[in-house]
Amino acid sequence: MNIAVCGVAIVLMATLGSLVIVRRNSPQQPIQVKAVLFGLYFWGLVFLQLVVFGLFMG
């Protein structure tokens, strides 16, 4: 159960972080570009958080 809570926290933090980055850095971009950038930022943040989580917990 503890791993599931950590996974949900990682996904929520990555989602919020991606939304903030997309809204802040690309206000003039079309919706399609924002969607692609959101995906890139989301998976980048998930990967980064998983690496950090793995280093500190493993």
Protein backbone atom coordinates (compact mmCIF):
# COMPACT_ATOMS: atom_id res chain seq x y z
CA MET A 1 0.00 0.00 0.00
CA ASN A 2 2.89 2.35 0.76
CA ILE A 3 4.25 1.99 -2.79
CA ALA A 4 0.82 2.81 -4.23
CA VAL A 5 0.62 6.01 -2.18
CA CYS A 6 4.10 7.02 -3.38
CA GLY A 7 3.09 6.28 -6.98
CA VAL A 8 -0.03 8.43 -6.72
CA ALA A 9 2.02 11.25 -5.16
CA ILE A 10 4.58 11.05 -7.98
CA VAL A 11 1.86 11.19 -10.65
CA LEU A 12 0.11 14.13 -8.97
CA MET A 13 3.33 16.09 -8.55
CA ALA A 14 4.34 15.41 -12.15
CA THR A 15 0.91 16.48 -13.42
CA LEU A 16 0.88 19.71 -11.45
CA GLY A 17 4.49 20.47 -12.35
CA SER A 18 3.84 19.88 -16.04
CA LEU A 19 0.79 22.12 -16.03
CA VAL A 20 2.74 24.90 -14.33
CA ILE A 21 5.66 24.62 -16.75
CA VAL A 22 3.44 24.54 -19.85
CA ARG A 23 1.34 27.51 -18.75
CA ARG A 24 4.38 29.53 -17.73
CA ASN A 25 6.75 28.87 -20.65
CA SER A 26 4.48 28.70 -23.68
CA PRO A 27 1.57 31.14 -23.46
CA GLN A 28 1.66 31.88 -27.22
CA GLN A 29 1.79 28.26 -28.42
CA PRO A 30 -1.17 26.44 -30.02
CA ILE A 31 -3.03 23.76 -28.07
CA GLN A 32 -1.35 20.91 -29.97
CA VAL A 33 2.13 22.14 -29.02
CA LYS A 34 1.06 22.58 -25.41
CA ALA A 35 -0.27 19.00 -25.36
CA VAL A 36 3.01 17.59 -26.68
CA LEU A 37 5.05 19.70 -24.27
CA PHE A 38 2.83 18.57 -21.39
CA GLY A 39 3.54 14.94 -22.28
CA LEU A 40 7.27 15.53 -22.49
CA TYR A 41 7.41 17.45 -19.21
CA PHE A 42 5.14 14.92 -17.47
CA TRP A 43 7.23 11.88 -18.37
CA GLY A 44 10.45 13.78 -17.67
CA LEU A 45 9.25 14.69 -14.19
CA VAL A 46 7.99 11.15 -13.53
CA PHE A 47 11.34 9.70 -14.54
CA LEU A 48 13.25 12.22 -12.42
CA GLN A 49 11.09 11.55 -9.38
CA LEU A 50 11.41 7.78 -9.78
CA VAL A 51 15.20 8.08 -9.94
CA VAL A 52 15.27 10.25 -6.82
CA PHE A 53 12.82 7.94 -5.04
CA GLY A 54 14.88 4.90 -6.00
CA LEU A 55 18.13 6.48 -4.80
CA PHE A 56 16.77 7.53 -1.42
CA MET A 57 14.60 4.47 -0.72
CA GLY A 58 16.77 1.74 -2.19
